[in-house]
Amino acid sequence: MKKIYDFDLILMNIYENAPRLEISQDSKIIIFSDLHIGDGGRSDDFKYNSELFSQILKEYNSQSYTLVLNGDVEELQKDRYSRIVRRWPNIFNIFDDFASDNRLFKIVGNHDNWLMNILHRTPYALHDGLVLTGYKYPFFIYHGHQSSPNYNRYSRVMAIFIKIFAGPLGIRNFTRLYHNPRKLAVETSTYKFSTEHKIISVIGHTHRPLFESLSRSDMLRFKIEMNIRRYRNASRKKREEIVKKIENYKSQLKAWRRHTSGQDAKGLLYSTDIAVPLLFNSGSVIGKKGFSGIEISNGNIYLISWRYINPKDHSEGFRKVVLRKDSLEYVMDCISILI
């Protein structure tokens, strides 16, 4: 008999037992997920972006941000925790700096949940989730694998496969499978849960950056469509402005697809209706051209990307790009009006 998993019950249990952190206009929080820190070997996905990530962490620490590590921080399905810590003392020292001021929340994912079994050996408190309160609707930060039927059914089998084959053979994790139906099913389940309970979910796991339940390409396509609809009834001068806007959005869409190698081409997955801003995803720290994260500061929420100017030569530096930004009050108003 096929086992049925009640995702709603699983997520509500995590939500109700998660620590609470009250936020306000002055709060400063940065959320990263899916670091997959290994032991420095050939299958260590973290190694590629390690120097840039260390630099960005130091900047956030100097500005007194609270750091939320949202799961799959250490790659324990391939490597031992003790070897990982020895290989990356600089990274864990920065974690220590955040923790010393009570500005670190560490959430476990499916690749590092074994840490729960060696709690006495880890210096940080571990959680299944974190709830941010202080606004009309709460933000619920959790890794996201809990919404995956495949994870719940085959987690042990997958872990054994990775341990035996992926690590020794140097098989790496990937950030390019955005269109994978199994990963998109995670987002669909999470969005449904968030809609039913009016809880804003901030997840990782799929490695696909999302803002207000939409991917970057979703937003650009919708803007193009909106302006095309305005075009017919516009004056000649307005039509010229609309065409320029559409060309600009088209250029952004082409550039984004080049950046993601077409990975983000899938459209809105949750319904044919207006997407309610209930689902955010910080992406991952193991991208081939940089990494992304979710920032909350100055009463706003941001999806940010740090990209290498030349992915083949990191010495040429990087640039910080704000992919999307909205006020937290706007997010709250959308939920109030649209649900």
C-alpha atoms as a PDB file:
ATOM      1  CA  MET A   1       0.000   0.000   0.000  1.00  0.00           C
ATOM      2  CA  LYS A   2       1.360   3.393  -1.030  1.00  0.00           C
ATOM      3  CA  LYS A   3       2.172   5.589   1.946  1.00  0.00           C
ATOM      4  CA  ILE A   4       0.585   9.052   1.900  1.00  0.00           C
ATOM      5  CA  TYR A   5       2.493  11.910   3.500  1.00  0.00           C
ATOM      6  CA  ASP A   6       0.551  14.755   5.064  1.00  0.00           C
ATOM      7  CA  PHE A   7       2.810  17.673   4.165  1.00  0.00           C
ATOM      8  CA  ASP A   8       0.485  20.117   5.894  1.00  0.00           C
ATOM      9  CA  LEU A   9       0.810  18.240   9.177  1.00  0.00           C
ATOM     10  CA  ILE A  10       4.602  17.925   8.813  1.00  0.00           C
ATOM     11  CA  LEU A  11       5.083  21.620   8.097  1.00  0.00           C
ATOM     12  CA  MET A  12       2.657  22.815  10.779  1.00  0.00           C
ATOM     13  CA  ASN A  13       4.490  20.721  13.364  1.00  0.00           C
ATOM     14  CA  ILE A  14       7.786  22.368  12.381  1.00  0.00           C
ATOM     15  CA  TYR A  15       6.128  25.803  12.348  1.00  0.00           C
ATOM     16  CA  GLU A  16       4.589  25.447  15.796  1.00  0.00           C
ATOM     17  CA  ASN A  17       7.842  24.225  17.380  1.00  0.00           C
ATOM     18  CA  ALA A  18      10.218  26.629  15.644  1.00  0.00           C
ATOM     19  CA  PRO A  19      11.893  29.480  17.560  1.00  0.00           C
ATOM     20  CA  ARG A  20      10.392  32.954  17.091  1.00  0.00           C
ATOM     21  CA  LEU A  21      12.305  36.094  16.164  1.00  0.00           C
ATOM     22  CA  GLU A  22      10.411  39.381  16.166  1.00  0.00           C
ATOM     23  CA  ILE A  23      11.449  41.749  13.396  1.00  0.00           C
ATOM     24  CA  SER A  24      10.761  45.409  12.716  1.00  0.00           C
ATOM     25  CA  GLN A  25      11.673  48.193  10.301  1.00  0.00           C
ATOM     26  CA  ASP A  26      15.182  48.234  11.786  1.00  0.00           C
ATOM     27  CA  SER A  27      15.856  44.489  11.564  1.00  0.00           C
ATOM     28  CA  LYS A  28      18.673  43.252   9.330  1.00  0.00           C
ATOM     29  CA  ILE A  29      18.659  39.618   8.243  1.00  0.00           C
ATOM     30  CA  ILE A  30      20.482  37.698   5.517  1.00  0.00           C
ATOM     31  CA  ILE A  31      19.366  34.202   4.501  1.00  0.00           C
ATOM     32  CA  PHE A  32      21.542  31.700   2.635  1.00  0.00           C
ATOM     33  CA  SER A  33      20.801  28.059   1.899  1.00  0.00           C
ATOM     34  CA  ASP A  34      22.456  25.106   0.214  1.00  0.00           C
ATOM     35  CA  LEU A  35      26.116  25.824   0.871  1.00  0.00           C
ATOM     36  CA  HIS A  36      26.987  22.110   0.649  1.00  0.00           C
ATOM     37  CA  ILE A  37      30.331  22.655   2.379  1.00  0.00           C
ATOM     38  CA  GLY A  38      32.534  19.618   1.851  1.00  0.00           C
ATOM     39  CA  ASP A  39      36.033  18.571   2.821  1.00  0.00           C
ATOM     40  CA  GLY A  40      37.780  20.437   0.017  1.00  0.00           C
ATOM     41  CA  GLY A  41      37.996  17.425  -2.293  1.00  0.00           C
ATOM     42  CA  ARG A  42      36.959  17.227  -5.937  1.00  0.00           C
ATOM     43  CA  SER A  43      33.279  16.752  -5.054  1.00  0.00           C
ATOM     44  CA  ASP A  44      33.192  19.797  -2.755  1.00  0.00           C
ATOM     45  CA  ASP A  45      30.601  22.085  -4.367  1.00  0.00           C
ATOM     46  CA  PHE A  46      31.315  24.909  -1.931  1.00  0.00           C
ATOM     47  CA  LYS A  47      34.949  25.328  -2.921  1.00  0.00           C
ATOM     48  CA  TYR A  48      34.239  27.252  -6.147  1.00  0.00           C
ATOM     49  CA  ASN A  49      32.521  30.207  -4.402  1.00  0.00           C
ATOM     50  CA  SER A  50      34.193  29.895  -1.008  1.00  0.00           C
ATOM     51  CA  GLU A  51      36.366  33.023  -1.156  1.00  0.00           C
ATOM     52  CA  LEU A  52      33.562  35.269  -2.371  1.00  0.00           C
ATOM     53  CA  PHE A  53      31.135  33.835   0.169  1.00  0.00           C
ATOM     54  CA  SER A  54      33.637  34.451   2.967  1.00  0.00           C
ATOM     55  CA  GLN A  55      34.007  38.069   1.856  1.00  0.00           C
ATOM     56  CA  ILE A  56      30.239  38.635   1.712  1.00  0.00           C
ATOM     57  CA  LEU A  57      29.742  37.039   5.143  1.00  0.00           C
ATOM     58  CA  LYS A  58      32.320  39.368   6.667  1.00  0.00           C
ATOM     59  CA  GLU A  59      30.540  42.390   5.211  1.00  0.00           C
ATOM     60  CA  TYR A  60      27.204  41.338   6.660  1.00  0.00           C
ATOM     61  CA  ASN A  61      28.813  40.576  10.011  1.00  0.00           C
ATOM     62  CA  SER A  62      30.416  44.029  10.135  1.00  0.00           C
ATOM     63  CA  GLN A  63      26.948  45.536   9.612  1.00  0.00           C
ATOM     64  CA  SER A  64      25.451  43.466  12.479  1.00  0.00           C
ATOM     65  CA  TYR A  65      23.101  41.405  10.328  1.00  0.00           C
ATOM     66  CA  THR A  66      21.502  38.254  11.693  1.00  0.00           C
ATOM     67  CA  LEU A  67      22.614  35.250   9.640  1.00  0.00           C
ATOM     68  CA  VAL A  68      20.141  32.474   8.832  1.00  0.00           C
ATOM     69  CA  LEU A  69      21.678  29.345   7.307  1.00  0.00           C
ATOM     70  CA  ASN A  70      18.680  27.560   5.850  1.00  0.00           C
ATOM     71  CA  GLY A  71      19.754  23.955   5.478  1.00  0.00           C
ATOM     72  CA  ASP A  72      22.280  21.850   3.568  1.00  0.00           C
ATOM     73  CA  VAL A  73      25.093  23.863   5.113  1.00  0.00           C
ATOM     74  CA  GLU A  74      27.503  20.934   5.488  1.00  0.00           C
ATOM     75  CA  GLU A  75      27.570  18.150   2.909  1.00  0.00           C
ATOM     76  CA  LEU A  76      27.278  15.249   5.328  1.00  0.00           C
ATOM     77  CA  GLN A  77      26.005  12.821   2.724  1.00  0.00           C
ATOM     78  CA  LYS A  78      29.510  12.802   1.233  1.00  0.00           C
ATOM     79  CA  ASP A  79      31.927  13.933   3.959  1.00  0.00           C
ATOM     80  CA  ARG A  80      32.471  13.777   7.709  1.00  0.00           C
ATOM     81  CA  TYR A  81      31.614  16.803   9.815  1.00  0.00           C
ATOM     82  CA  SER A  82      35.014  16.837  11.546  1.00  0.00           C
ATOM     83  CA  ARG A  83      36.872  16.919   8.208  1.00  0.00           C
ATOM     84  CA  ILE A  84      34.627  19.711   6.912  1.00  0.00           C
ATOM     85  CA  VAL A  85      35.279  21.895   9.957  1.00  0.00           C
ATOM     86  CA  ARG A  86      39.035  21.313   9.722  1.00  0.00           C
ATOM     87  CA  ARG A  87      39.064  22.228   6.026  1.00  0.00           C
ATOM     88  CA  TRP A  88      37.117  25.486   6.366  1.00  0.00           C
ATOM     89  CA  PRO A  89      38.137  27.107   9.697  1.00  0.00           C
ATOM     90  CA  ASN A  90      37.796  30.599   8.210  1.00  0.00           C
ATOM     91  CA  ILE A  91      34.124  30.034   7.371  1.00  0.00           C
ATOM     92  CA  PHE A  92      33.272  28.492  10.733  1.00  0.00           C
ATOM     93  CA  ASN A  93      35.137  31.299  12.515  1.00  0.00           C
ATOM     94  CA  ILE A  94      32.803  33.780  10.827  1.00  0.00           C
ATOM     95  CA  PHE A  95      29.826  31.663  11.877  1.00  0.00           C
ATOM     96  CA  ASP A  96      31.239  31.849  15.414  1.00  0.00           C
ATOM     97  CA  ASP A  97      31.329  35.651  15.218  1.00  0.00           C
ATOM     98  CA  PHE A  98      27.640  35.779  14.331  1.00  0.00           C
ATOM     99  CA  ALA A  99      26.802  33.216  17.033  1.00  0.00           C
ATOM    100  CA  SER A 100      28.733  35.085  19.734  1.00  0.00           C
ATOM    101  CA  ASP A 101      26.257  37.969  19.403  1.00  0.00           C
ATOM    102  CA  ASN A 102      23.237  35.662  19.136  1.00  0.00           C
ATOM    103  CA  ARG A 103      22.934  36.548  15.446  1.00  0.00           C
ATOM    104  CA  LEU A 104      23.073  33.044  13.993  1.00  0.00           C
ATOM    105  CA  PHE A 105      20.201  30.645  13.297  1.00  0.00           C
ATOM    106  CA  LYS A 106      21.180  27.303  11.802  1.00  0.00           C
ATOM    107  CA  ILE A 107      18.458  25.235  10.162  1.00  0.00           C
ATOM    108  CA  VAL A 108      19.034  21.682   8.989  1.00  0.00           C
ATOM    109  CA  GLY A 109      18.229  20.324   5.538  1.00  0.00           C
ATOM    110  CA  ASN A 110      18.257  16.867   4.013  1.00  0.00           C
ATOM    111  CA  HIS A 111      22.046  16.847   3.443  1.00  0.00           C
ATOM    112  CA  ASP A 112      22.986  17.903   6.980  1.00  0.00           C
ATOM    113  CA  ASN A 113      20.135  16.630   9.164  1.00  0.00           C
ATOM    114  CA  TRP A 114      22.500  14.039  10.627  1.00  0.00           C
ATOM    115  CA  LEU A 115      23.844  16.904  12.733  1.00  0.00           C
ATOM    116  CA  MET A 116      20.786  16.419  14.909  1.00  0.00           C
ATOM    117  CA  ASN A 117      22.285  13.093  15.973  1.00  0.00           C
ATOM    118  CA  ILE A 118      25.644  14.637  16.972  1.00  0.00           C
ATOM    119  CA  LEU A 119      24.316  17.750  18.656  1.00  0.00           C
ATOM    120  CA  HIS A 120      26.877  17.474  21.453  1.00  0.00           C
ATOM    121  CA  ARG A 121      29.629  17.936  18.846  1.00  0.00           C
ATOM    122  CA  THR A 122      28.241  21.067  17.184  1.00  0.00           C
ATOM    123  CA  PRO A 123      28.686  24.555  18.660  1.00  0.00           C
ATOM    124  CA  TYR A 124      25.396  25.982  17.375  1.00  0.00           C
ATOM    125  CA  ALA A 125      21.800  25.274  18.235  1.00  0.00           C
ATOM    126  CA  LEU A 126      20.063  23.445  15.391  1.00  0.00           C
ATOM    127  CA  HIS A 127      16.490  23.984  14.247  1.00  0.00           C
ATOM    128  CA  ASP A 128      14.048  22.584  11.706  1.00  0.00           C
ATOM    129  CA  GLY A 129      12.737  26.079  11.048  1.00  0.00           C
ATOM    130  CA  LEU A 130      12.542  29.689  12.187  1.00  0.00           C
ATOM    131  CA  VAL A 131       9.517  32.000  12.354  1.00  0.00           C
ATOM    132  CA  LEU A 132       9.851  35.763  11.914  1.00  0.00           C
ATOM    133  CA  THR A 133       7.043  37.684  13.608  1.00  0.00           C
ATOM    134  CA  GLY A 134       6.230  41.379  13.982  1.00  0.00           C
ATOM    135  CA  TYR A 135       4.264  41.914  10.780  1.00  0.00           C
ATOM    136  CA  LYS A 136       0.672  40.950   9.943  1.00  0.00           C
ATOM    137  CA  TYR A 137       1.707  37.595   8.492  1.00  0.00           C
ATOM    138  CA  PRO A 138       4.688  35.529   9.675  1.00  0.00           C
ATOM    139  CA  PHE A 139       7.715  34.483   7.668  1.00  0.00           C
ATOM    140  CA  PHE A 140       8.410  30.759   8.058  1.00  0.00           C
ATOM    141  CA  ILE A 141      11.992  29.847   7.131  1.00  0.00           C
ATOM    142  CA  TYR A 142      12.706  26.143   6.582  1.00  0.00           C
ATOM    143  CA  HIS A 143      14.769  24.156   4.131  1.00  0.00           C
ATOM    144  CA  GLY A 144      11.922  22.793   1.996  1.00  0.00           C
ATOM    145  CA  HIS A 145      12.783  19.118   1.580  1.00  0.00           C
ATOM    146  CA  GLN A 146       9.872  18.333   3.910  1.00  0.00           C
ATOM    147  CA  SER A 147       7.498  19.072   1.012  1.00  0.00           C
ATOM    148  CA  SER A 148       9.135  16.475  -1.227  1.00  0.00           C
ATOM    149  CA  PRO A 149       7.378  13.104  -1.519  1.00  0.00           C
ATOM    150  CA  ASN A 150      10.564  11.549  -2.888  1.00  0.00           C
ATOM    151  CA  TYR A 151      12.587  12.746   0.075  1.00  0.00           C
ATOM    152  CA  ASN A 152      10.066  11.373   2.556  1.00  0.00           C
ATOM    153  CA  ARG A 153       9.882   8.032   0.766  1.00  0.00           C
ATOM    154  CA  TYR A 154      13.482   7.505  -0.308  1.00  0.00           C
ATOM    155  CA  SER A 155      15.672   9.672   1.923  1.00  0.00           C
ATOM    156  CA  ARG A 156      17.685   6.730   3.293  1.00  0.00           C
ATOM    157  CA  VAL A 157      18.207   5.191  -0.135  1.00  0.00           C
ATOM    158  CA  MET A 158      19.325   8.528  -1.614  1.00  0.00           C
ATOM    159  CA  ALA A 159      21.699   9.157   1.281  1.00  0.00           C
ATOM    160  CA  ILE A 160      23.316   5.728   0.880  1.00  0.00           C
ATOM    161  CA  PHE A 161      23.710   6.239  -2.886  1.00  0.00           C
ATOM    162  CA  ILE A 162      25.393   9.624  -2.383  1.00  0.00           C
ATOM    163  CA  LYS A 163      27.659   8.249   0.345  1.00  0.00           C
ATOM    164  CA  ILE A 164      28.790   5.240  -1.671  1.00  0.00           C
ATOM    165  CA  PHE A 165      28.920   6.671  -5.190  1.00  0.00           C
ATOM    166  CA  ALA A 166      28.639  10.481  -5.391  1.00  0.00           C
ATOM    167  CA  GLY A 167      31.430  11.292  -2.968  1.00  0.00           C
ATOM    168  CA  PRO A 168      34.065   8.793  -4.147  1.00  0.00           C
ATOM    169  CA  LEU A 169      33.301   9.450  -7.830  1.00  0.00           C
ATOM    170  CA  GLY A 170      33.393  13.232  -7.438  1.00  0.00           C
ATOM    171  CA  ILE A 171      29.754  13.680  -8.503  1.00  0.00           C
ATOM    172  CA  ARG A 172      28.637  17.178  -7.611  1.00  0.00           C
ATOM    173  CA  ASN A 173      25.307  18.742  -6.718  1.00  0.00           C
ATOM    174  CA  PHE A 174      23.681  20.784  -9.446  1.00  0.00           C
ATOM    175  CA  THR A 175      21.934  24.134  -9.609  1.00  0.00           C
ATOM    176  CA  ARG A 176      20.665  23.754 -13.144  1.00  0.00           C
ATOM    177  CA  LEU A 177      17.714  21.388 -12.722  1.00  0.00           C
ATOM    178  CA  TYR A 178      15.149  24.159 -12.163  1.00  0.00           C
ATOM    179  CA  HIS A 179      12.675  22.528 -14.525  1.00  0.00           C
ATOM    180  CA  ASN A 180      12.904  19.132 -12.818  1.00  0.00           C
ATOM    181  CA  PRO A 181       9.273  18.136 -12.082  1.00  0.00           C
ATOM    182  CA  ARG A 182      10.212  16.694  -8.681  1.00  0.00           C
ATOM    183  CA  LYS A 183      11.732  19.968  -7.554  1.00  0.00           C
ATOM    184  CA  LEU A 184       8.857  21.999  -8.939  1.00  0.00           C
ATOM    185  CA  ALA A 185       6.462  19.759  -7.011  1.00  0.00           C
ATOM    186  CA  VAL A 186       8.190  20.927  -3.815  1.00  0.00           C
ATOM    187  CA  GLU A 187       7.377  24.534  -4.684  1.00  0.00           C
ATOM    188  CA  THR A 188       3.788  23.678  -5.554  1.00  0.00           C
ATOM    189  CA  SER A 189       3.233  21.874  -2.234  1.00  0.00           C
ATOM    190  CA  THR A 190       4.895  24.691  -0.315  1.00  0.00           C
ATOM    191  CA  TYR A 191       2.826  27.357  -2.068  1.00  0.00           C
ATOM    192  CA  LYS A 192      -0.371  25.462  -1.309  1.00  0.00           C
ATOM    193  CA  PHE A 193       0.559  25.173   2.369  1.00  0.00           C
ATOM    194  CA  SER A 194       1.417  28.880   2.537  1.00  0.00           C
ATOM    195  CA  THR A 195      -1.833  29.901   0.853  1.00  0.00           C
ATOM    196  CA  GLU A 196      -4.011  27.811   3.146  1.00  0.00           C
ATOM    197  CA  HIS A 197      -2.402  29.172   6.327  1.00  0.00           C
ATOM    198  CA  LYS A 198      -1.381  32.678   5.200  1.00  0.00           C
ATOM    199  CA  ILE A 199       2.204  31.922   6.151  1.00  0.00           C
ATOM    200  CA  ILE A 200       5.059  33.278   4.015  1.00  0.00           C
ATOM    201  CA  SER A 201       7.476  30.444   3.313  1.00  0.00           C
ATOM    202  CA  VAL A 202      11.182  31.100   2.713  1.00  0.00           C
ATOM    203  CA  ILE A 203      12.860  27.915   1.533  1.00  0.00           C
ATOM    204  CA  GLY A 204      15.943  26.579  -0.224  1.00  0.00           C
ATOM    205  CA  HIS A 205      16.428  22.966  -1.373  1.00  0.00           C
ATOM    206  CA  THR A 206      15.502  23.406  -5.066  1.00  0.00           C
ATOM    207  CA  HIS A 207      18.407  25.841  -5.687  1.00  0.00           C
ATOM    208  CA  ARG A 208      15.941  27.986  -7.689  1.00  0.00           C
ATOM    209  CA  PRO A 209      15.741  31.650  -6.604  1.00  0.00           C
ATOM    210  CA  LEU A 210      12.138  32.817  -6.202  1.00  0.00           C
ATOM    211  CA  PHE A 211      10.706  36.152  -5.169  1.00  0.00           C
ATOM    212  CA  GLU A 212       7.040  36.642  -4.267  1.00  0.00           C
ATOM    213  CA  SER A 213       6.288  33.146  -5.610  1.00  0.00           C
ATOM    214  CA  LEU A 214       7.714  34.074  -9.007  1.00  0.00           C
ATOM    215  CA  SER A 215      10.943  33.367 -10.800  1.00  0.00           C
ATOM    216  CA  ARG A 216      12.872  36.199 -12.417  1.00  0.00           C
ATOM    217  CA  SER A 217      11.672  35.196 -15.888  1.00  0.00           C
ATOM    218  CA  ASP A 218       8.058  35.011 -14.636  1.00  0.00           C
ATOM    219  CA  MET A 219       8.201  38.637 -13.577  1.00  0.00           C
ATOM    220  CA  LEU A 220       9.796  39.863 -16.790  1.00  0.00           C
ATOM    221  CA  ARG A 221       7.305  37.994 -18.988  1.00  0.00           C
ATOM    222  CA  PHE A 222       4.385  39.378 -16.986  1.00  0.00           C
ATOM    223  CA  LYS A 223       5.737  42.918 -17.385  1.00  0.00           C
ATOM    224  CA  ILE A 224       6.032  42.387 -21.134  1.00  0.00           C
ATOM    225  CA  GLU A 225       2.480  41.057 -21.323  1.00  0.00           C
ATOM    226  CA  MET A 226       1.118  43.923 -19.209  1.00  0.00           C
ATOM    227  CA  ASN A 227       2.711  46.535 -21.474  1.00  0.00           C
ATOM    228  CA  ILE A 228       1.504  44.818 -24.648  1.00  0.00           C
ATOM    229  CA  ARG A 229      -2.056  45.023 -23.297  1.00  0.00           C
ATOM    230  CA  ARG A 230      -1.577  48.756 -22.638  1.00  0.00           C
ATOM    231  CA  TYR A 231      -0.198  49.385 -26.113  1.00  0.00           C
ATOM    232  CA  ARG A 232      -3.445  49.343 -28.170  1.00  0.00           C
ATOM    233  CA  ASN A 233      -5.206  52.095 -26.213  1.00  0.00           C
ATOM    234  CA  ALA A 234      -2.124  54.270 -25.688  1.00  0.00           C
ATOM    235  CA  SER A 235      -1.301  57.531 -27.434  1.00  0.00           C
ATOM    236  CA  ARG A 236       1.499  57.656 -30.011  1.00  0.00           C
ATOM    237  CA  LYS A 237       3.937  59.086 -27.460  1.00  0.00           C
ATOM    238  CA  LYS A 238       2.962  56.494 -24.852  1.00  0.00           C
ATOM    239  CA  ARG A 239       3.310  53.722 -27.442  1.00  0.00           C
ATOM    240  CA  GLU A 240       6.907  54.733 -28.053  1.00  0.00           C
ATOM    241  CA  GLU A 241       7.574  54.590 -24.305  1.00  0.00           C
ATOM    242  CA  ILE A 242       5.859  51.203 -24.033  1.00  0.00           C
ATOM    243  CA  VAL A 243       7.927  49.756 -26.899  1.00  0.00           C
ATOM    244  CA  LYS A 244      11.130  50.951 -25.203  1.00  0.00           C
ATOM    245  CA  LYS A 245      10.034  49.324 -21.936  1.00  0.00           C
ATOM    246  CA  ILE A 246       9.221  46.057 -23.687  1.00  0.00           C
ATOM    247  CA  GLU A 247      12.609  46.040 -25.443  1.00  0.00           C
ATOM    248  CA  ASN A 248      14.296  46.656 -22.099  1.00  0.00           C
ATOM    249  CA  TYR A 249      12.394  43.781 -20.461  1.00  0.00           C
ATOM    250  CA  LYS A 250      13.207  41.517 -23.415  1.00  0.00           C
ATOM    251  CA  SER A 251      16.907  42.334 -23.033  1.00  0.00           C
ATOM    252  CA  GLN A 252      16.736  41.599 -19.311  1.00  0.00           C
ATOM    253  CA  LEU A 253      14.977  38.295 -20.013  1.00  0.00           C
ATOM    254  CA  LYS A 254      17.621  37.247 -22.556  1.00  0.00           C
ATOM    255  CA  ALA A 255      20.419  38.232 -20.175  1.00  0.00           C
ATOM    256  CA  TRP A 256      18.817  36.323 -17.301  1.00  0.00           C
ATOM    257  CA  ARG A 257      18.404  33.216 -19.423  1.00  0.00           C
ATOM    258  CA  ARG A 258      22.053  33.419 -20.455  1.00  0.00           C
ATOM    259  CA  HIS A 259      22.987  33.771 -16.788  1.00  0.00           C
ATOM    260  CA  THR A 260      20.946  30.706 -15.844  1.00  0.00           C
ATOM    261  CA  SER A 261      21.615  28.781 -19.089  1.00  0.00           C
ATOM    262  CA  GLY A 262      17.870  28.678 -19.739  1.00  0.00           C
ATOM    263  CA  GLN A 263      17.208  26.951 -16.426  1.00  0.00           C
ATOM    264  CA  ASP A 264      14.582  29.480 -15.363  1.00  0.00           C
ATOM    265  CA  ALA A 265      12.468  29.167 -18.487  1.00  0.00           C
ATOM    266  CA  LYS A 266       9.583  27.443 -16.747  1.00  0.00           C
ATOM    267  CA  GLY A 267       6.650  29.730 -16.018  1.00  0.00           C
ATOM    268  CA  LEU A 268       4.313  30.153 -13.110  1.00  0.00           C
ATOM    269  CA  LEU A 269       3.709  26.713 -11.662  1.00  0.00           C
ATOM    270  CA  TYR A 270       1.236  27.175  -8.888  1.00  0.00           C
ATOM    271  CA  SER A 271      -1.923  28.289 -10.671  1.00  0.00           C
ATOM    272  CA  THR A 272      -3.171  30.351 -13.594  1.00  0.00           C
ATOM    273  CA  ASP A 273      -4.316  33.054 -11.190  1.00  0.00           C
ATOM    274  CA  ILE A 274      -2.351  35.970  -9.788  1.00  0.00           C
ATOM    275  CA  ALA A 275       0.592  34.731  -7.761  1.00  0.00           C
ATOM    276  CA  VAL A 276       0.371  35.745  -4.116  1.00  0.00           C
ATOM    277  CA  PRO A 277       3.763  36.667  -2.535  1.00  0.00           C
ATOM    278  CA  LEU A 278       3.852  33.694  -0.195  1.00  0.00           C
ATOM    279  CA  LEU A 279       6.908  31.821  -1.447  1.00  0.00           C
ATOM    280  CA  PHE A 280      10.525  32.977  -1.502  1.00  0.00           C
ATOM    281  CA  ASN A 281      13.632  30.917  -2.237  1.00  0.00           C
ATOM    282  CA  SER A 282      17.158  32.123  -1.560  1.00  0.00           C
ATOM    283  CA  GLY A 283      18.631  29.897  -4.278  1.00  0.00           C
ATOM    284  CA  SER A 284      22.023  28.396  -3.414  1.00  0.00           C
ATOM    285  CA  VAL A 285      25.651  29.264  -2.726  1.00  0.00           C
ATOM    286  CA  ILE A 286      27.034  26.798  -5.291  1.00  0.00           C
ATOM    287  CA  GLY A 287      26.159  28.478  -8.590  1.00  0.00           C
ATOM    288  CA  LYS A 288      28.688  28.402 -11.426  1.00  0.00           C
ATOM    289  CA  LYS A 289      28.560  32.175 -11.899  1.00  0.00           C
ATOM    290  CA  GLY A 290      28.028  33.233  -8.295  1.00  0.00           C
ATOM    291  CA  PHE A 291      25.326  32.790  -5.681  1.00  0.00           C
ATOM    292  CA  SER A 292      22.159  34.354  -4.308  1.00  0.00           C
ATOM    293  CA  GLY A 293      20.418  35.087  -1.015  1.00  0.00           C
ATOM    294  CA  ILE A 294      17.384  36.726   0.568  1.00  0.00           C
ATOM    295  CA  GLU A 295      17.939  39.903   2.562  1.00  0.00           C
ATOM    296  CA  ILE A 296      15.505  41.660   4.903  1.00  0.00           C
ATOM    297  CA  SER A 297      16.466  45.203   5.891  1.00  0.00           C
ATOM    298  CA  ASN A 298      15.035  48.743   6.114  1.00  0.00           C
ATOM    299  CA  GLY A 299      11.518  47.313   6.049  1.00  0.00           C
ATOM    300  CA  ASN A 300      12.155  45.686   2.651  1.00  0.00           C
ATOM    301  CA  ILE A 301      12.837  42.213   1.335  1.00  0.00           C
ATOM    302  CA  TYR A 302      15.388  41.666  -1.430  1.00  0.00           C
ATOM    303  CA  LEU A 303      16.505  38.851  -3.710  1.00  0.00           C
ATOM    304  CA  ILE A 304      20.218  39.478  -4.240  1.00  0.00           C
ATOM    305  CA  SER A 305      22.791  37.873  -6.484  1.00  0.00           C
ATOM    306  CA  TRP A 306      26.574  38.122  -6.299  1.00  0.00           C
ATOM    307  CA  ARG A 307      27.991  37.388  -9.757  1.00  0.00           C
ATOM    308  CA  TYR A 308      31.545  37.048 -10.983  1.00  0.00           C
ATOM    309  CA  ILE A 309      32.447  39.571 -13.675  1.00  0.00           C
ATOM    310  CA  ASN A 310      34.364  36.749 -15.336  1.00  0.00           C
ATOM    311  CA  PRO A 311      33.355  33.275 -14.053  1.00  0.00           C
ATOM    312  CA  LYS A 312      36.600  31.850 -15.494  1.00  0.00           C
ATOM    313  CA  ASP A 313      38.799  34.362 -13.704  1.00  0.00           C
ATOM    314  CA  HIS A 314      37.593  35.281 -10.213  1.00  0.00           C
ATOM    315  CA  SER A 315      40.397  37.816  -9.810  1.00  0.00           C
ATOM    316  CA  GLU A 316      38.411  40.234 -11.986  1.00  0.00           C
ATOM    317  CA  GLY A 317      35.987  40.676  -9.096  1.00  0.00           C
ATOM    318  CA  PHE A 318      32.225  40.500  -8.765  1.00  0.00           C
ATOM    319  CA  ARG A 319      29.139  42.650  -8.725  1.00  0.00           C
ATOM    320  CA  LYS A 320      26.183  42.702  -6.382  1.00  0.00           C
ATOM    321  CA  VAL A 321      22.814  42.746  -8.155  1.00  0.00           C
ATOM    322  CA  VAL A 322      19.448  43.375  -6.519  1.00  0.00           C
ATOM    323  CA  LEU A 323      17.206  41.140  -8.621  1.00  0.00           C
ATOM    324  CA  ARG A 324      13.973  42.132  -6.873  1.00  0.00           C
ATOM    325  CA  LYS A 325      12.924  44.356  -4.002  1.00  0.00           C
ATOM    326  CA  ASP A 326       9.625  45.114  -2.284  1.00  0.00           C
ATOM    327  CA  SER A 327       8.541  46.535   1.040  1.00  0.00           C
ATOM    328  CA  LEU A 328       7.336  44.111   3.685  1.00  0.00           C
ATOM    329  CA  GLU A 329       4.163  46.179   4.016  1.00  0.00           C
ATOM    330  CA  TYR A 330       3.476  45.682   0.297  1.00  0.00           C
ATOM    331  CA  VAL A 331       3.851  41.926   0.741  1.00  0.00           C
ATOM    332  CA  MET A 332       1.412  42.014   3.669  1.00  0.00           C
ATOM    333  CA  ASP A 333      -1.104  44.095   1.686  1.00  0.00           C
ATOM    334  CA  CYS A 334      -0.945  41.691  -1.257  1.00  0.00           C
ATOM    335  CA  ILE A 335      -1.750  38.741   0.973  1.00  0.00           C
ATOM    336  CA  SER A 336      -4.620  40.615   2.676  1.00  0.00           C
ATOM    337  CA  ILE A 337      -6.185  41.637  -0.639  1.00  0.00           C
ATOM    338  CA  LEU A 338      -5.514  38.587  -2.804  1.00  0.00           C
ATOM    339  CA  ILE A 339      -6.490  35.787  -0.411  1.00  0.00           C
END
